[in-house]
Amino acid sequence: IGGVVLALVGIGLGIAAFVVRRRKAALVAPWPVQQG
């Protein structure tokens, strides 16, 4: 039971880290700037 709980917590933290990284990448990405 302890192993299953730890595995689920690890999966949840992994998903959270993935989502946070994608959001950071989207915010930092260069946007096309129009000159003129």
PDB file of all heavy atoms in Angstrom:
ATOM      1  N   ILE A   1       0.844  -1.205   0.000  1.00  0.00           N
ATOM      2  CA  ILE A   1       0.000   0.000   0.000  1.00  0.00           C
ATOM      3  C   ILE A   1       0.875   1.249   0.000  1.00  0.00           C
ATOM      4  O   ILE A   1       0.628   2.194  -0.752  1.00  0.00           O
ATOM      5  CB  ILE A   1      -0.966  -0.010   1.203  1.00  0.00           C
ATOM      6  CG1 ILE A   1      -2.019  -1.104   1.022  1.00  0.00           C
ATOM      7  CG2 ILE A   1      -1.632   1.359   1.389  1.00  0.00           C
ATOM      8  CD1 ILE A   1      -2.882  -1.351   2.240  1.00  0.00           C
ATOM      9  N   GLY A   2       1.917   1.255   0.820  1.00  0.00           N
ATOM     10  CA  GLY A   2       2.841   2.390   0.843  1.00  0.00           C
ATOM     11  C   GLY A   2       3.513   2.595  -0.500  1.00  0.00           C
ATOM     12  O   GLY A   2       3.674   3.734  -0.955  1.00  0.00           O
ATOM     13  N   GLY A   3       3.882   1.521  -1.172  1.00  0.00           N
ATOM     14  CA  GLY A   3       4.501   1.613  -2.491  1.00  0.00           C
ATOM     15  C   GLY A   3       3.559   2.198  -3.522  1.00  0.00           C
ATOM     16  O   GLY A   3       3.959   3.037  -4.335  1.00  0.00           O
ATOM     17  N   VAL A   4       2.306   1.778  -3.488  1.00  0.00           N
ATOM     18  CA  VAL A   4       1.314   2.316  -4.428  1.00  0.00           C
ATOM     19  C   VAL A   4       1.108   3.807  -4.183  1.00  0.00           C
ATOM     20  O   VAL A   4       1.070   4.608  -5.123  1.00  0.00           O
ATOM     21  CB  VAL A   4      -0.023   1.535  -4.320  1.00  0.00           C
ATOM     22  CG1 VAL A   4      -1.146   2.248  -5.055  1.00  0.00           C
ATOM     23  CG2 VAL A   4       0.146   0.120  -4.838  1.00  0.00           C
ATOM     24  N   VAL A   5       0.995   4.197  -2.929  1.00  0.00           N
ATOM     25  CA  VAL A   5       0.816   5.619  -2.598  1.00  0.00           C
ATOM     26  C   VAL A   5       2.007   6.434  -3.090  1.00  0.00           C
ATOM     27  O   VAL A   5       1.850   7.488  -3.709  1.00  0.00           O
ATOM     28  CB  VAL A   5       0.589   5.810  -1.081  1.00  0.00           C
ATOM     29  CG1 VAL A   5       0.689   7.270  -0.680  1.00  0.00           C
ATOM     30  CG2 VAL A   5      -0.755   5.230  -0.669  1.00  0.00           C
ATOM     31  N   LEU A   6       3.219   5.949  -2.823  1.00  0.00           N
ATOM     32  CA  LEU A   6       4.412   6.670  -3.285  1.00  0.00           C
ATOM     33  C   LEU A   6       4.472   6.750  -4.801  1.00  0.00           C
ATOM     34  O   LEU A   6       4.863   7.782  -5.370  1.00  0.00           O
ATOM     35  CB  LEU A   6       5.671   6.005  -2.734  1.00  0.00           C
ATOM     36  CG  LEU A   6       5.931   6.226  -1.247  1.00  0.00           C
ATOM     37  CD1 LEU A   6       7.139   5.408  -0.799  1.00  0.00           C
ATOM     38  CD2 LEU A   6       6.153   7.691  -0.951  1.00  0.00           C
ATOM     39  N   ALA A   7       4.093   5.690  -5.493  1.00  0.00           N
ATOM     40  CA  ALA A   7       4.092   5.706  -6.960  1.00  0.00           C
ATOM     41  C   ALA A   7       3.101   6.738  -7.483  1.00  0.00           C
ATOM     42  O   ALA A   7       3.408   7.500  -8.409  1.00  0.00           O
ATOM     43  CB  ALA A   7       3.757   4.314  -7.503  1.00  0.00           C
ATOM     44  N   LEU A   8       1.911   6.794  -6.882  1.00  0.00           N
ATOM     45  CA  LEU A   8       0.910   7.770  -7.312  1.00  0.00           C
ATOM     46  C   LEU A   8       1.370   9.202  -7.047  1.00  0.00           C
ATOM     47  O   LEU A   8       1.176  10.095  -7.879  1.00  0.00           O
ATOM     48  CB  LEU A   8      -0.434   7.497  -6.630  1.00  0.00           C
ATOM     49  CG  LEU A   8      -1.143   6.209  -7.058  1.00  0.00           C
ATOM     50  CD1 LEU A   8      -2.377   5.970  -6.196  1.00  0.00           C
ATOM     51  CD2 LEU A   8      -1.511   6.256  -8.523  1.00  0.00           C
ATOM     52  N   VAL A   9       1.988   9.429  -5.918  1.00  0.00           N
ATOM     53  CA  VAL A   9       2.531  10.760  -5.615  1.00  0.00           C
ATOM     54  C   VAL A   9       3.615  11.119  -6.628  1.00  0.00           C
ATOM     55  O   VAL A   9       3.655  12.238  -7.143  1.00  0.00           O
ATOM     56  CB  VAL A   9       3.075  10.820  -4.167  1.00  0.00           C
ATOM     57  CG1 VAL A   9       3.894  12.080  -3.937  1.00  0.00           C
ATOM     58  CG2 VAL A   9       1.932  10.749  -3.173  1.00  0.00           C
ATOM     59  N   GLY A  10       4.478  10.186  -6.944  1.00  0.00           N
ATOM     60  CA  GLY A  10       5.534  10.430  -7.934  1.00  0.00           C
ATOM     61  C   GLY A  10       4.964  10.753  -9.303  1.00  0.00           C
ATOM     62  O   GLY A  10       5.437  11.674  -9.986  1.00  0.00           O
ATOM     63  N   ILE A  11       3.950  10.024  -9.721  1.00  0.00           N
ATOM     64  CA  ILE A  11       3.315  10.287 -11.019  1.00  0.00           C
ATOM     65  C   ILE A  11       2.679  11.677 -11.007  1.00  0.00           C
ATOM     66  O   ILE A  11       2.831  12.454 -11.962  1.00  0.00           O
ATOM     67  CB  ILE A  11       2.273   9.192 -11.344  1.00  0.00           C
ATOM     68  CG1 ILE A  11       2.984   7.881 -11.648  1.00  0.00           C
ATOM     69  CG2 ILE A  11       1.384   9.616 -12.507  1.00  0.00           C
ATOM     70  CD1 ILE A  11       2.058   6.680 -11.728  1.00  0.00           C
ATOM     71  N   GLY A  12       1.985  12.008  -9.929  1.00  0.00           N
ATOM     72  CA  GLY A  12       1.362  13.332  -9.812  1.00  0.00           C
ATOM     73  C   GLY A  12       2.388  14.446  -9.865  1.00  0.00           C
ATOM     74  O   GLY A  12       2.204  15.458 -10.560  1.00  0.00           O
ATOM     75  N   LEU A  13       3.495  14.295  -9.156  1.00  0.00           N
ATOM     76  CA  LEU A  13       4.547  15.308  -9.190  1.00  0.00           C
ATOM     77  C   LEU A  13       5.188  15.399 -10.567  1.00  0.00           C
ATOM     78  O   LEU A  13       5.538  16.486 -11.029  1.00  0.00           O
ATOM     79  CB  LEU A  13       5.603  15.006  -8.121  1.00  0.00           C
ATOM     80  CG  LEU A  13       5.139  15.203  -6.670  1.00  0.00           C
ATOM     81  CD1 LEU A  13       6.213  14.725  -5.704  1.00  0.00           C
ATOM     82  CD2 LEU A  13       4.794  16.659  -6.418  1.00  0.00           C
ATOM     83  N   GLY A  14       5.346  14.274 -11.240  1.00  0.00           N
ATOM     84  CA  GLY A  14       5.902  14.275 -12.595  1.00  0.00           C
ATOM     85  C   GLY A  14       5.005  15.027 -13.567  1.00  0.00           C
ATOM     86  O   GLY A  14       5.472  15.829 -14.381  1.00  0.00           O
ATOM     87  N   ILE A  15       3.716  14.795 -13.481  1.00  0.00           N
ATOM     88  CA  ILE A  15       2.756  15.492 -14.341  1.00  0.00           C
ATOM     89  C   ILE A  15       2.784  16.997 -14.040  1.00  0.00           C
ATOM     90  O   ILE A  15       2.795  17.829 -14.950  1.00  0.00           O
ATOM     91  CB  ILE A  15       1.336  14.908 -14.167  1.00  0.00           C
ATOM     92  CG1 ILE A  15       1.282  13.495 -14.751  1.00  0.00           C
ATOM     93  CG2 ILE A  15       0.281  15.813 -14.805  1.00  0.00           C
ATOM     94  CD1 ILE A  15       0.013  12.734 -14.421  1.00  0.00           C
ATOM     95  N   ALA A  16       2.798  17.345 -12.747  1.00  0.00           N
ATOM     96  CA  ALA A  16       2.841  18.759 -12.363  1.00  0.00           C
ATOM     97  C   ALA A  16       4.100  19.433 -12.906  1.00  0.00           C
ATOM     98  O   ALA A  16       4.046  20.551 -13.424  1.00  0.00           O
ATOM     99  CB  ALA A  16       2.776  18.892 -10.843  1.00  0.00           C
ATOM    100  N   ALA A  17       5.241  18.792 -12.815  1.00  0.00           N
ATOM    101  CA  ALA A  17       6.492  19.366 -13.328  1.00  0.00           C
ATOM    102  C   ALA A  17       6.413  19.548 -14.837  1.00  0.00           C
ATOM    103  O   ALA A  17       6.863  20.572 -15.374  1.00  0.00           O
ATOM    104  CB  ALA A  17       7.663  18.460 -12.958  1.00  0.00           C
ATOM    105  N   PHE A  18       5.842  18.594 -15.531  1.00  0.00           N
ATOM    106  CA  PHE A  18       5.690  18.690 -16.991  1.00  0.00           C
ATOM    107  C   PHE A  18       4.828  19.897 -17.366  1.00  0.00           C
ATOM    108  O   PHE A  18       5.171  20.684 -18.247  1.00  0.00           O
ATOM    109  CB  PHE A  18       5.085  17.390 -17.530  1.00  0.00           C
ATOM    110  CG  PHE A  18       4.834  17.403 -18.998  1.00  0.00           C
ATOM    111  CD1 PHE A  18       5.880  17.270 -19.893  1.00  0.00           C
ATOM    112  CD2 PHE A  18       3.548  17.564 -19.495  1.00  0.00           C
ATOM    113  CE1 PHE A  18       5.657  17.280 -21.252  1.00  0.00           C
ATOM    114  CE2 PHE A  18       3.307  17.588 -20.850  1.00  0.00           C
ATOM    115  CZ  PHE A  18       4.373  17.446 -21.746  1.00  0.00           C
ATOM    116  N   VAL A  19       3.707  20.066 -16.670  1.00  0.00           N
ATOM    117  CA  VAL A  19       2.794  21.169 -16.955  1.00  0.00           C
ATOM    118  C   VAL A  19       3.465  22.510 -16.676  1.00  0.00           C
ATOM    119  O   VAL A  19       3.367  23.449 -17.470  1.00  0.00           O
ATOM    120  CB  VAL A  19       1.484  21.019 -16.140  1.00  0.00           C
ATOM    121  CG1 VAL A  19       0.634  22.278 -16.197  1.00  0.00           C
ATOM    122  CG2 VAL A  19       0.704  19.816 -16.620  1.00  0.00           C
ATOM    123  N   VAL A  20       4.159  22.631 -15.557  1.00  0.00           N
ATOM    124  CA  VAL A  20       4.843  23.880 -15.201  1.00  0.00           C
ATOM    125  C   VAL A  20       5.893  24.220 -16.242  1.00  0.00           C
ATOM    126  O   VAL A  20       6.007  25.372 -16.668  1.00  0.00           O
ATOM    127  CB  VAL A  20       5.456  23.780 -13.785  1.00  0.00           C
ATOM    128  CG1 VAL A  20       6.411  24.920 -13.508  1.00  0.00           C
ATOM    129  CG2 VAL A  20       4.351  23.741 -12.742  1.00  0.00           C
ATOM    130  N   ARG A  21       6.659  23.261 -16.695  1.00  0.00           N
ATOM    131  CA  ARG A  21       7.694  23.520 -17.707  1.00  0.00           C
ATOM    132  C   ARG A  21       7.076  23.988 -19.017  1.00  0.00           C
ATOM    133  O   ARG A  21       7.596  24.868 -19.675  1.00  0.00           O
ATOM    134  CB  ARG A  21       8.529  22.269 -17.952  1.00  0.00           C
ATOM    135  CG  ARG A  21       9.534  22.040 -16.876  1.00  0.00           C
ATOM    136  CD  ARG A  21      10.406  20.884 -17.227  1.00  0.00           C
ATOM    137  NE  ARG A  21      11.734  21.202 -16.737  1.00  0.00           N
ATOM    138  CZ  ARG A  21      12.809  20.580 -17.095  1.00  0.00           C
ATOM    139  NH1 ARG A  21      12.732  19.612 -17.978  1.00  0.00           N
ATOM    140  NH2 ARG A  21      13.965  20.910 -16.594  1.00  0.00           N
ATOM    141  N   ARG A  22       5.979  23.363 -19.412  1.00  0.00           N
ATOM    142  CA  ARG A  22       5.325  23.768 -20.673  1.00  0.00           C
ATOM    143  C   ARG A  22       4.791  25.192 -20.566  1.00  0.00           C
ATOM    144  O   ARG A  22       4.884  25.964 -21.509  1.00  0.00           O
ATOM    145  CB  ARG A  22       4.195  22.806 -21.013  1.00  0.00           C
ATOM    146  CG  ARG A  22       4.749  21.486 -21.542  1.00  0.00           C
ATOM    147  CD  ARG A  22       3.717  20.681 -22.219  1.00  0.00           C
ATOM    148  NE  ARG A  22       2.998  21.450 -23.230  1.00  0.00           N
ATOM    149  CZ  ARG A  22       2.898  21.097 -24.492  1.00  0.00           C
ATOM    150  NH1 ARG A  22       3.483  20.009 -24.900  1.00  0.00           N
ATOM    151  NH2 ARG A  22       2.198  21.816 -25.331  1.00  0.00           N
ATOM    152  N   ARG A  23       4.231  25.542 -19.413  1.00  0.00           N
ATOM    153  CA  ARG A  23       3.706  26.903 -19.240  1.00  0.00           C
ATOM    154  C   ARG A  23       4.840  27.925 -19.267  1.00  0.00           C
ATOM    155  O   ARG A  23       4.710  28.988 -19.855  1.00  0.00           O
ATOM    156  CB  ARG A  23       2.930  27.018 -17.938  1.00  0.00           C
ATOM    157  CG  ARG A  23       1.567  26.411 -18.034  1.00  0.00           C
ATOM    158  CD  ARG A  23       0.716  26.808 -16.871  1.00  0.00           C
ATOM    159  NE  ARG A  23      -0.602  26.199 -17.011  1.00  0.00           N
ATOM    160  CZ  ARG A  23      -1.476  26.166 -16.057  1.00  0.00           C
ATOM    161  NH1 ARG A  23      -1.211  26.712 -14.896  1.00  0.00           N
ATOM    162  NH2 ARG A  23      -2.646  25.605 -16.260  1.00  0.00           N
ATOM    163  N   LYS A  24       5.958  27.592 -18.607  1.00  0.00           N
ATOM    164  CA  LYS A  24       7.109  28.503 -18.611  1.00  0.00           C
ATOM    165  C   LYS A  24       7.632  28.682 -20.026  1.00  0.00           C
ATOM    166  O   LYS A  24       7.959  29.782 -20.443  1.00  0.00           O
ATOM    167  CB  LYS A  24       8.227  27.961 -17.711  1.00  0.00           C
ATOM    168  CG  LYS A  24       8.102  28.348 -16.285  1.00  0.00           C
ATOM    169  CD  LYS A  24       9.369  27.934 -15.534  1.00  0.00           C
ATOM    170  CE  LYS A  24       9.294  28.364 -14.102  1.00  0.00           C
ATOM    171  NZ  LYS A  24      10.493  27.961 -13.374  1.00  0.00           N
ATOM    172  N   ALA A  25       7.700  27.588 -20.758  1.00  0.00           N
ATOM    173  CA  ALA A  25       8.206  27.649 -22.136  1.00  0.00           C
ATOM    174  C   ALA A  25       7.295  28.503 -23.000  1.00  0.00           C
ATOM    175  O   ALA A  25       7.752  29.272 -23.851  1.00  0.00           O
ATOM    176  CB  ALA A  25       8.340  26.251 -22.714  1.00  0.00           C
ATOM    177  N   ALA A  26       6.002  28.409 -22.795  1.00  0.00           N
ATOM    178  CA  ALA A  26       5.055  29.201 -23.578  1.00  0.00           C
ATOM    179  C   ALA A  26       5.181  30.685 -23.251  1.00  0.00           C
ATOM    180  O   ALA A  26       5.049  31.543 -24.123  1.00  0.00           O
ATOM    181  CB  ALA A  26       3.635  28.720 -23.331  1.00  0.00           C
ATOM    182  N   LEU A  27       5.443  31.025 -21.997  1.00  0.00           N
ATOM    183  CA  LEU A  27       5.563  32.427 -21.599  1.00  0.00           C
ATOM    184  C   LEU A  27       6.878  33.047 -22.054  1.00  0.00           C
ATOM    185  O   LEU A  27       6.951  34.240 -22.313  1.00  0.00           O
ATOM    186  CB  LEU A  27       5.440  32.551 -20.077  1.00  0.00           C
ATOM    187  CG  LEU A  27       4.057  32.232 -19.503  1.00  0.00           C
ATOM    188  CD1 LEU A  27       4.123  32.255 -17.988  1.00  0.00           C
ATOM    189  CD2 LEU A  27       3.012  33.218 -20.009  1.00  0.00           C
ATOM    190  N   VAL A  28       7.921  32.289 -22.146  1.00  0.00           N
ATOM    191  CA  VAL A  28       9.246  32.778 -22.513  1.00  0.00           C
ATOM    192  C   VAL A  28       9.438  32.787 -24.019  1.00  0.00           C
ATOM    193  O   VAL A  28      10.274  33.503 -24.544  1.00  0.00           O
ATOM    194  CB  VAL A  28      10.340  31.916 -21.829  1.00  0.00           C
ATOM    195  CG1 VAL A  28      11.722  32.321 -22.265  1.00  0.00           C
ATOM    196  CG2 VAL A  28      10.202  32.031 -20.327  1.00  0.00           C
ATOM    197  N   ALA A  29       8.665  32.071 -24.752  1.00  0.00           N
ATOM    198  CA  ALA A  29       8.847  31.951 -26.208  1.00  0.00           C
ATOM    199  C   ALA A  29       8.771  33.316 -26.877  1.00  0.00           C
ATOM    200  O   ALA A  29       7.933  34.140 -26.533  1.00  0.00           O
ATOM    201  CB  ALA A  29       7.789  31.036 -26.787  1.00  0.00           C
ATOM    202  N   PRO A  30       9.663  33.557 -27.829  1.00  0.00           N
ATOM    203  CA  PRO A  30       9.649  34.856 -28.517  1.00  0.00           C
ATOM    204  C   PRO A  30       8.396  34.975 -29.384  1.00  0.00           C
ATOM    205  O   PRO A  30       8.027  34.055 -30.090  1.00  0.00           O
ATOM    206  CB  PRO A  30      10.911  34.843 -29.358  1.00  0.00           C
ATOM    207  CG  PRO A  30      11.250  33.402 -29.513  1.00  0.00           C
ATOM    208  CD  PRO A  30      10.705  32.692 -28.299  1.00  0.00           C
ATOM    209  N   TRP A  31       7.774  36.136 -29.326  1.00  0.00           N
ATOM    210  CA  TRP A  31       6.587  36.397 -30.114  1.00  0.00           C
ATOM    211  C   TRP A  31       7.000  37.164 -31.378  1.00  0.00           C
ATOM    212  O   TRP A  31       7.917  37.974 -31.351  1.00  0.00           O
ATOM    213  CB  TRP A  31       5.592  37.228 -29.320  1.00  0.00           C
ATOM    214  CG  TRP A  31       5.150  36.507 -28.080  1.00  0.00           C
ATOM    215  CD1 TRP A  31       5.595  36.708 -26.847  1.00  0.00           C
ATOM    216  CD2 TRP A  31       4.197  35.482 -28.009  1.00  0.00           C
ATOM    217  NE1 TRP A  31       4.989  35.872 -25.957  1.00  0.00           N
ATOM    218  CE2 TRP A  31       4.091  35.085 -26.663  1.00  0.00           C
ATOM    219  CE3 TRP A  31       3.383  34.807 -28.938  1.00  0.00           C
ATOM    220  CZ2 TRP A  31       3.240  34.088 -26.209  1.00  0.00           C
ATOM    221  CZ3 TRP A  31       2.540  33.830 -28.469  1.00  0.00           C
ATOM    222  CH2 TRP A  31       2.482  33.461 -27.115  1.00  0.00           C
ATOM    223  N   PRO A  32       6.335  36.910 -32.444  1.00  0.00           N
ATOM    224  CA  PRO A  32       6.661  37.684 -33.662  1.00  0.00           C
ATOM    225  C   PRO A  32       6.369  39.164 -33.416  1.00  0.00           C
ATOM    226  O   PRO A  32       5.292  39.523 -32.949  1.00  0.00           O
ATOM    227  CB  PRO A  32       5.759  37.111 -34.726  1.00  0.00           C
ATOM    228  CG  PRO A  32       4.982  36.009 -34.106  1.00  0.00           C
ATOM    229  CD  PRO A  32       5.304  35.937 -32.660  1.00  0.00           C
ATOM    230  N   VAL A  33       7.338  39.951 -33.657  1.00  0.00           N
ATOM    231  CA  VAL A  33       7.190  41.406 -33.469  1.00  0.00           C
ATOM    232  C   VAL A  33       7.056  42.055 -34.814  1.00  0.00           C
ATOM    233  O   VAL A  33       7.878  41.856 -35.712  1.00  0.00           O
ATOM    234  CB  VAL A  33       8.420  41.950 -32.709  1.00  0.00           C
ATOM    235  CG1 VAL A  33       8.297  43.462 -32.539  1.00  0.00           C
ATOM    236  CG2 VAL A  33       8.579  41.253 -31.384  1.00  0.00           C
ATOM    237  N   GLN A  34       6.072  42.878 -34.984  1.00  0.00           N
ATOM    238  CA  GLN A  34       5.894  43.587 -36.271  1.00  0.00           C
ATOM    239  C   GLN A  34       6.582  44.935 -36.199  1.00  0.00           C
ATOM    240  O   GLN A  34       6.428  45.676 -35.244  1.00  0.00           O
ATOM    241  CB  GLN A  34       4.409  43.781 -36.554  1.00  0.00           C
ATOM    242  CG  GLN A  34       3.734  42.474 -36.850  1.00  0.00           C
ATOM    243  CD  GLN A  34       2.321  42.686 -37.330  1.00  0.00           C
ATOM    244  OE1 GLN A  34       1.869  43.818 -37.431  1.00  0.00           O
ATOM    245  NE2 GLN A  34       1.668  41.600 -37.626  1.00  0.00           N
ATOM    246  N   GLN A  35       7.340  45.179 -37.172  1.00  0.00           N
ATOM    247  CA  GLN A  35       8.087  46.455 -37.238  1.00  0.00           C
ATOM    248  C   GLN A  35       7.315  47.441 -38.097  1.00  0.00           C
ATOM    249  O   GLN A  35       6.805  47.102 -39.144  1.00  0.00           O
ATOM    250  CB  GLN A  35       9.456  46.194 -37.858  1.00  0.00           C
ATOM    251  CG  GLN A  35      10.230  45.153 -37.105  1.00  0.00           C
ATOM    252  CD  GLN A  35      11.308  45.749 -36.250  1.00  0.00           C
ATOM    253  OE1 GLN A  35      11.744  46.840 -36.492  1.00  0.00           O
ATOM    254  NE2 GLN A  35      11.715  45.031 -35.249  1.00  0.00           N
ATOM    255  N   GLY A  36       7.328  48.558 -37.741  1.00  0.00           N
ATOM    256  CA  GLY A  36       6.775  49.456 -38.706  1.00  0.00           C
ATOM    257  C   GLY A  36       6.138  50.622 -38.343  1.00  0.00           C
ATOM    258  O   GLY A  36       5.783  51.537 -38.132  1.00  0.00           O
TER     259      GLY A  36
END
